[in-house]
Structure formats: structure tokens, C-alpha cells
């Protein structure tokens, strides 16, 4: 049974354009549905690229998912320092007051190890994620958020896949787009 704070690892044969070779961090999972963020796909921009007034906004942006692709979301370990944050598990939160966060960033009070920014999110309706797991689209496992944030995002899918089964090495070595081999 999946819960908030767990991760989803796309199975090697999942070919969905949004989720192929993705690792998602689940922030909410309840009877109404589920919400999470793809944590291993860079968007190619920095926070200051979309908020130029944030001179210290040198935080990379990630593709959080296909839902609300024009909105910014974030997971963090700032906890009570940032009002309106939603608790995930342990010391992990998501969202919160962006005005306060902007001030914290400008004062240099937030480090890249404390927060990750996403464009869009991944969402599922009631029981939809459970059905996808039952249909063999995802591996699920508990995870340590702090350790996840230390791994190079480009290597994360392969590393998590190998933890599940070292026999999956062939999949991690295979090109994302086999037509380019």
C-alpha cells in the first residue's frame, strides 16, 4: 500500500511520454486521490528565469508532471519556517506561502538541499494510482527524501531500479530513445 512520502519508479516498459523513466515523490495519497512530483527530470530553467526579481533564485526547476503546467510547486524541509506548508511525512512538506519563501531566498536563508521546485504536478483521481500499480506500471517503495535529493536527478531512475533488482542493469544502460542507438 502506497503512502505519502513513498516513491513511484516507472517500470522499464512504461512508455507514457510524461512518465517514462520517471521517479515520483508522493505527497498525498488518500481516498480522494493522489498527488506527487516527478523528481528526476530537469525543466532546464532556474527559478530566477521565471521570477527575475529573485536575484538569489539559482534553484533548478523540474518537470513535476502534466497537471497545471503553468504553475510552480515545491517540496521542502523548511517546515514551520514557511507558513501554509502541507506536511508530507517526517520533516518533509510541500507548498507554502510563496511571498515568505521569496523573502527567505533573497536573504540567503534557503539552500538547494532544503527545497526543490517543480513546474506542474502529477495527480490521480480516487483509486486511479492504486489501479496503475495493480496494472504493473510502477514499482513502489518507501524513500528517504534527503537521500533522494542528494542523488543526481539524471541517475535517480537507474539507481532506484537497481536497488529493486540488480538484474535491471540492462534497462538502465539502454538509451532513453532506442532509435538513437
C-alpha atoms as a PDB file:
ATOM      1  CA  UNK A   1       0.000   0.000   0.000  1.00  0.00           C
ATOM      2  CA  UNK A   2       1.474   3.318  -1.063  1.00  0.00           C
ATOM      3  CA  UNK A   3       1.512   6.314   1.288  1.00  0.00           C
ATOM      4  CA  UNK A   4       2.686   9.918   1.366  1.00  0.00           C
ATOM      5  CA  UNK A   5       6.480  10.020   1.377  1.00  0.00           C
ATOM      6  CA  UNK A   6       6.869   6.944  -0.836  1.00  0.00           C
ATOM      7  CA  UNK A   7       8.224   6.976  -4.359  1.00  0.00           C
ATOM      8  CA  UNK A   8       6.990   5.527  -7.625  1.00  0.00           C
ATOM      9  CA  UNK A   9       9.586   4.182 -10.029  1.00  0.00           C
ATOM     10  CA  UNK A  10       8.369   3.764 -13.610  1.00  0.00           C
ATOM     11  CA  UNK A  11       8.723   0.168 -14.739  1.00  0.00           C
ATOM     12  CA  UNK A  12      11.158  -0.243 -17.651  1.00  0.00           C
ATOM     13  CA  UNK A  13       8.449  -0.852 -20.249  1.00  0.00           C
ATOM     14  CA  UNK A  14       6.268   2.115 -19.257  1.00  0.00           C
ATOM     15  CA  UNK A  15       6.277   4.250 -22.408  1.00  0.00           C
ATOM     16  CA  UNK A  16       3.987   7.097 -21.329  1.00  0.00           C
ATOM     17  CA  UNK A  17       5.621  10.317 -22.551  1.00  0.00           C
ATOM     18  CA  UNK A  18       5.292  12.066 -19.196  1.00  0.00           C
ATOM     19  CA  UNK A  19       6.383   9.187 -17.007  1.00  0.00           C
ATOM     20  CA  UNK A  20       8.862   7.102 -18.999  1.00  0.00           C
ATOM     21  CA  UNK A  21      11.910   6.551 -16.726  1.00  0.00           C
ATOM     22  CA  UNK A  22      10.420   8.745 -14.026  1.00  0.00           C
ATOM     23  CA  UNK A  23      10.712   8.719 -10.273  1.00  0.00           C
ATOM     24  CA  UNK A  24       7.841  10.430  -8.458  1.00  0.00           C
ATOM     25  CA  UNK A  25       7.681  11.558  -4.869  1.00  0.00           C
ATOM     26  CA  UNK A  26       4.167  11.104  -3.469  1.00  0.00           C
ATOM     27  CA  UNK A  27       2.965  13.985  -1.280  1.00  0.00           C
ATOM     28  CA  UNK A  28      -0.664  12.937  -0.841  1.00  0.00           C
ATOM     29  CA  UNK A  29      -2.438   9.600  -1.148  1.00  0.00           C
ATOM     30  CA  UNK A  30      -5.929   9.200   0.272  1.00  0.00           C
ATOM     31  CA  UNK A  31      -9.443   8.154  -0.709  1.00  0.00           C
ATOM     32  CA  UNK A  32      -9.899  11.319  -2.827  1.00  0.00           C
ATOM     33  CA  UNK A  33      -6.793  10.668  -4.920  1.00  0.00           C
ATOM     34  CA  UNK A  34      -3.059  11.161  -5.070  1.00  0.00           C
ATOM     35  CA  UNK A  35      -0.597  13.965  -5.769  1.00  0.00           C
ATOM     36  CA  UNK A  36       3.125  13.816  -6.408  1.00  0.00           C
ATOM     37  CA  UNK A  37       6.008  15.261  -8.367  1.00  0.00           C
ATOM     38  CA  UNK A  38       8.430  13.856 -10.925  1.00  0.00           C
ATOM     39  CA  UNK A  39      11.737  14.471  -9.159  1.00  0.00           C
ATOM     40  CA  UNK A  40      14.249  13.334 -11.751  1.00  0.00           C
ATOM     41  CA  UNK A  41      13.540  15.389 -14.889  1.00  0.00           C
ATOM     42  CA  UNK A  42      15.060  18.825 -15.176  1.00  0.00           C
ATOM     43  CA  UNK A  43      12.999  21.541 -16.827  1.00  0.00           C
ATOM     44  CA  UNK A  44      16.192  23.288 -17.960  1.00  0.00           C
ATOM     45  CA  UNK A  45      15.384  26.579 -16.244  1.00  0.00           C
ATOM     46  CA  UNK A  46      16.244  28.194 -12.931  1.00  0.00           C
ATOM     47  CA  UNK A  47      13.760  29.816 -10.568  1.00  0.00           C
ATOM     48  CA  UNK A  48      15.184  33.259 -11.418  1.00  0.00           C
ATOM     49  CA  UNK A  49      14.365  32.643 -15.109  1.00  0.00           C
ATOM     50  CA  UNK A  50      10.654  32.812 -14.314  1.00  0.00           C
ATOM     51  CA  UNK A  51      10.970  35.200 -11.351  1.00  0.00           C
ATOM     52  CA  UNK A  52      13.714  37.670 -12.404  1.00  0.00           C
ATOM     53  CA  UNK A  53      13.238  39.717  -9.217  1.00  0.00           C
ATOM     54  CA  UNK A  54      14.711  36.768  -7.259  1.00  0.00           C
ATOM     55  CA  UNK A  55      18.400  37.567  -7.722  1.00  0.00           C
ATOM     56  CA  UNK A  56      19.305  34.581  -5.493  1.00  0.00           C
ATOM     57  CA  UNK A  57      16.877  32.288  -7.323  1.00  0.00           C
ATOM     58  CA  UNK A  58      19.567  29.900  -8.571  1.00  0.00           C
ATOM     59  CA  UNK A  59      17.388  26.865  -7.940  1.00  0.00           C
ATOM     60  CA  UNK A  60      16.791  24.416 -10.809  1.00  0.00           C
ATOM     61  CA  UNK A  61      13.223  23.717 -11.925  1.00  0.00           C
ATOM     62  CA  UNK A  62      11.962  20.188 -12.527  1.00  0.00           C
ATOM     63  CA  UNK A  63       9.111  18.758 -14.585  1.00  0.00           C
ATOM     64  CA  UNK A  64       6.659  17.956 -11.794  1.00  0.00           C
ATOM     65  CA  UNK A  65       4.047  16.419 -14.055  1.00  0.00           C
ATOM     66  CA  UNK A  66       1.453  17.091 -16.716  1.00  0.00           C
ATOM     67  CA  UNK A  67      -1.175  18.727 -14.476  1.00  0.00           C
ATOM     68  CA  UNK A  68      -1.152  22.548 -14.127  1.00  0.00           C
ATOM     69  CA  UNK A  69       1.955  23.005 -16.322  1.00  0.00           C
ATOM     70  CA  UNK A  70       1.861  26.779 -15.819  1.00  0.00           C
ATOM     71  CA  UNK A  71       2.090  26.634 -12.033  1.00  0.00           C
ATOM     72  CA  UNK A  72       5.040  26.381  -9.675  1.00  0.00           C
ATOM     73  CA  UNK A  73       5.117  23.847  -6.834  1.00  0.00           C
ATOM     74  CA  UNK A  74       7.795  22.880  -4.323  1.00  0.00           C
ATOM     75  CA  UNK A  75       8.744  20.255  -1.782  1.00  0.00           C
ATOM     76  CA  UNK A  76      10.931  21.261   1.134  1.00  0.00           C
ATOM     77  CA  UNK A  77      12.216  20.668   4.643  1.00  0.00           C
ATOM     78  CA  UNK A  78      11.557  24.208   5.883  1.00  0.00           C
ATOM     79  CA  UNK A  79       8.561  23.110   7.960  1.00  0.00           C
ATOM     80  CA  UNK A  80       7.199  25.739  10.349  1.00  0.00           C
ATOM     81  CA  UNK A  81       9.562  28.378   8.908  1.00  0.00           C
ATOM     82  CA  UNK A  82       7.180  28.601   5.924  1.00  0.00           C
ATOM     83  CA  UNK A  83       3.508  29.162   6.711  1.00  0.00           C
ATOM     84  CA  UNK A  84       0.771  27.282   4.864  1.00  0.00           C
ATOM     85  CA  UNK A  85       3.103  24.335   4.142  1.00  0.00           C
ATOM     86  CA  UNK A  86       1.435  20.943   3.812  1.00  0.00           C
ATOM     87  CA  UNK A  87       3.033  18.162   5.848  1.00  0.00           C
ATOM     88  CA  UNK A  88       4.017  15.040   3.877  1.00  0.00           C
ATOM     89  CA  UNK A  89       5.960  12.892   6.335  1.00  0.00           C
ATOM     90  CA  UNK A  90       8.733  13.376   8.863  1.00  0.00           C
ATOM     91  CA  UNK A  91      10.389  16.718   8.122  1.00  0.00           C
ATOM     92  CA  UNK A  92       9.106  16.905   4.538  1.00  0.00           C
ATOM     93  CA  UNK A  93       6.495  19.425   3.359  1.00  0.00           C
ATOM     94  CA  UNK A  94       5.125  20.740   0.110  1.00  0.00           C
ATOM     95  CA  UNK A  95       3.835  24.171  -0.864  1.00  0.00           C
ATOM     96  CA  UNK A  96       3.596  27.122   1.468  1.00  0.00           C
ATOM     97  CA  UNK A  97       3.482  30.903   1.330  1.00  0.00           C
ATOM     98  CA  UNK A  98       5.490  31.921  -1.754  1.00  0.00           C
ATOM     99  CA  UNK A  99       5.865  35.544  -0.643  1.00  0.00           C
ATOM    100  CA  UNK A 100       7.570  34.390   2.564  1.00  0.00           C
ATOM    101  CA  UNK A 101       9.655  31.899   0.595  1.00  0.00           C
ATOM    102  CA  UNK A 102      10.782  34.642  -1.820  1.00  0.00           C
ATOM    103  CA  UNK A 103      11.988  36.742   1.098  1.00  0.00           C
ATOM    104  CA  UNK A 104      13.822  33.771   2.595  1.00  0.00           C
ATOM    105  CA  UNK A 105      15.511  33.082  -0.755  1.00  0.00           C
ATOM    106  CA  UNK A 106      16.583  36.708  -1.194  1.00  0.00           C
ATOM    107  CA  UNK A 107      18.082  36.771   2.304  1.00  0.00           C
ATOM    108  CA  UNK A 108      20.020  33.570   1.526  1.00  0.00           C
ATOM    109  CA  UNK A 109      18.101  31.578   4.136  1.00  0.00           C
ATOM    110  CA  UNK A 110      17.204  28.659   1.846  1.00  0.00           C
ATOM    111  CA  UNK A 111      19.682  26.188   0.388  1.00  0.00           C
ATOM    112  CA  UNK A 112      19.154  23.898  -2.613  1.00  0.00           C
ATOM    113  CA  UNK A 113      19.300  20.898  -0.253  1.00  0.00           C
ATOM    114  CA  UNK A 114      16.186  22.194   1.548  1.00  0.00           C
ATOM    115  CA  UNK A 115      13.864  22.733  -1.418  1.00  0.00           C
ATOM    116  CA  UNK A 116      13.067  21.516  -4.918  1.00  0.00           C
ATOM    117  CA  UNK A 117      10.876  23.400  -7.410  1.00  0.00           C
ATOM    118  CA  UNK A 118       8.559  21.834  -9.992  1.00  0.00           C
ATOM    119  CA  UNK A 119       6.578  23.046 -12.961  1.00  0.00           C
ATOM    120  CA  UNK A 120       3.262  21.206 -12.796  1.00  0.00           C
ATOM    121  CA  UNK A 121       2.363  18.158 -10.745  1.00  0.00           C
ATOM    122  CA  UNK A 122       1.207  14.579 -11.185  1.00  0.00           C
ATOM    123  CA  UNK A 123      -2.287  13.791  -9.985  1.00  0.00           C
ATOM    124  CA  UNK A 124      -4.600  10.806  -9.860  1.00  0.00           C
ATOM    125  CA  UNK A 125      -8.296  10.526  -9.057  1.00  0.00           C
ATOM    126  CA  UNK A 126      -9.723   8.247  -6.390  1.00  0.00           C
ATOM    127  CA  UNK A 127      -8.166   4.765  -6.652  1.00  0.00           C
ATOM    128  CA  UNK A 128      -6.559   5.620 -10.024  1.00  0.00           C
ATOM    129  CA  UNK A 129      -2.976   5.302  -8.765  1.00  0.00           C
ATOM    130  CA  UNK A 130      -3.777   2.032  -6.978  1.00  0.00           C
ATOM    131  CA  UNK A 131      -5.134   0.690 -10.287  1.00  0.00           C
ATOM    132  CA  UNK A 132      -1.959   1.742 -12.136  1.00  0.00           C
ATOM    133  CA  UNK A 133       0.160  -0.019  -9.519  1.00  0.00           C
ATOM    134  CA  UNK A 134      -2.025  -3.135  -9.799  1.00  0.00           C
ATOM    135  CA  UNK A 135      -1.581  -2.970 -13.597  1.00  0.00           C
ATOM    136  CA  UNK A 136       2.219  -3.125 -13.228  1.00  0.00           C
ATOM    137  CA  UNK A 137       3.040   0.415 -14.312  1.00  0.00           C
ATOM    138  CA  UNK A 138       5.011   1.331 -11.183  1.00  0.00           C
ATOM    139  CA  UNK A 139       7.340  -0.050  -8.579  1.00  0.00           C
ATOM    140  CA  UNK A 140       6.669   1.495  -5.181  1.00  0.00           C
ATOM    141  CA  UNK A 141       8.935   1.839  -2.184  1.00  0.00           C
ATOM    142  CA  UNK A 142       9.479   3.907   0.895  1.00  0.00           C
ATOM    143  CA  UNK A 143      12.164   6.527   0.497  1.00  0.00           C
ATOM    144  CA  UNK A 144      14.333   8.942   2.406  1.00  0.00           C
ATOM    145  CA  UNK A 145      13.628  12.389   0.928  1.00  0.00           C
ATOM    146  CA  UNK A 146      17.026  13.737   1.982  1.00  0.00           C
ATOM    147  CA  UNK A 147      18.865  10.886   0.261  1.00  0.00           C
ATOM    148  CA  UNK A 148      16.761  11.289  -2.888  1.00  0.00           C
ATOM    149  CA  UNK A 149      17.696  14.964  -3.097  1.00  0.00           C
ATOM    150  CA  UNK A 150      21.414  14.090  -2.936  1.00  0.00           C
ATOM    151  CA  UNK A 151      21.349  11.809  -5.998  1.00  0.00           C
ATOM    152  CA  UNK A 152      21.981  13.329  -9.418  1.00  0.00           C
ATOM    153  CA  UNK A 153      18.439  13.503 -10.886  1.00  0.00           C
ATOM    154  CA  UNK A 154      19.630  12.038 -14.197  1.00  0.00           C
ATOM    155  CA  UNK A 155      20.872   8.928 -12.362  1.00  0.00           C
ATOM    156  CA  UNK A 156      17.937   8.545  -9.979  1.00  0.00           C
ATOM    157  CA  UNK A 157      15.708   6.252 -12.062  1.00  0.00           C
ATOM    158  CA  UNK A 158      18.565   3.848 -12.784  1.00  0.00           C
ATOM    159  CA  UNK A 159      19.804   3.819  -9.199  1.00  0.00           C
ATOM    160  CA  UNK A 160      16.338   3.144  -7.783  1.00  0.00           C
ATOM    161  CA  UNK A 161      15.680   0.451 -10.386  1.00  0.00           C
ATOM    162  CA  UNK A 162      18.935  -1.331  -9.486  1.00  0.00           C
ATOM    163  CA  UNK A 163      18.005  -1.244  -5.777  1.00  0.00           C
ATOM    164  CA  UNK A 164      14.832  -3.157  -6.672  1.00  0.00           C
ATOM    165  CA  UNK A 165      16.646  -5.727  -8.795  1.00  0.00           C
ATOM    166  CA  UNK A 166      20.301  -5.629  -9.949  1.00  0.00           C
ATOM    167  CA  UNK A 167      19.130  -7.656 -12.961  1.00  0.00           C
ATOM    168  CA  UNK A 168      17.591  -4.468 -14.353  1.00  0.00           C
ATOM    169  CA  UNK A 169      21.067  -3.150 -15.214  1.00  0.00           C
ATOM    170  CA  UNK A 170      20.429  -3.746 -18.931  1.00  0.00           C
ATOM    171  CA  UNK A 171      17.473  -1.325 -18.808  1.00  0.00           C
ATOM    172  CA  UNK A 172      19.492   1.386 -17.095  1.00  0.00           C
ATOM    173  CA  UNK A 173      22.238   1.112 -19.724  1.00  0.00           C
ATOM    174  CA  UNK A 174      19.786   1.279 -22.622  1.00  0.00           C
ATOM    175  CA  UNK A 175      19.274   4.645 -24.322  1.00  0.00           C
ATOM    176  CA  UNK A 176      16.163   6.657 -23.415  1.00  0.00           C
ATOM    177  CA  UNK A 177      15.370   6.708 -27.141  1.00  0.00           C
ATOM    178  CA  UNK A 178      16.454   3.363 -28.668  1.00  0.00           C
ATOM    179  CA  UNK A 179      16.217   4.826 -32.191  1.00  0.00           C
ATOM    180  CA  UNK A 180      19.343   6.859 -31.356  1.00  0.00           C
ATOM    181  CA  UNK A 181      21.479   3.744 -30.743  1.00  0.00           C
END
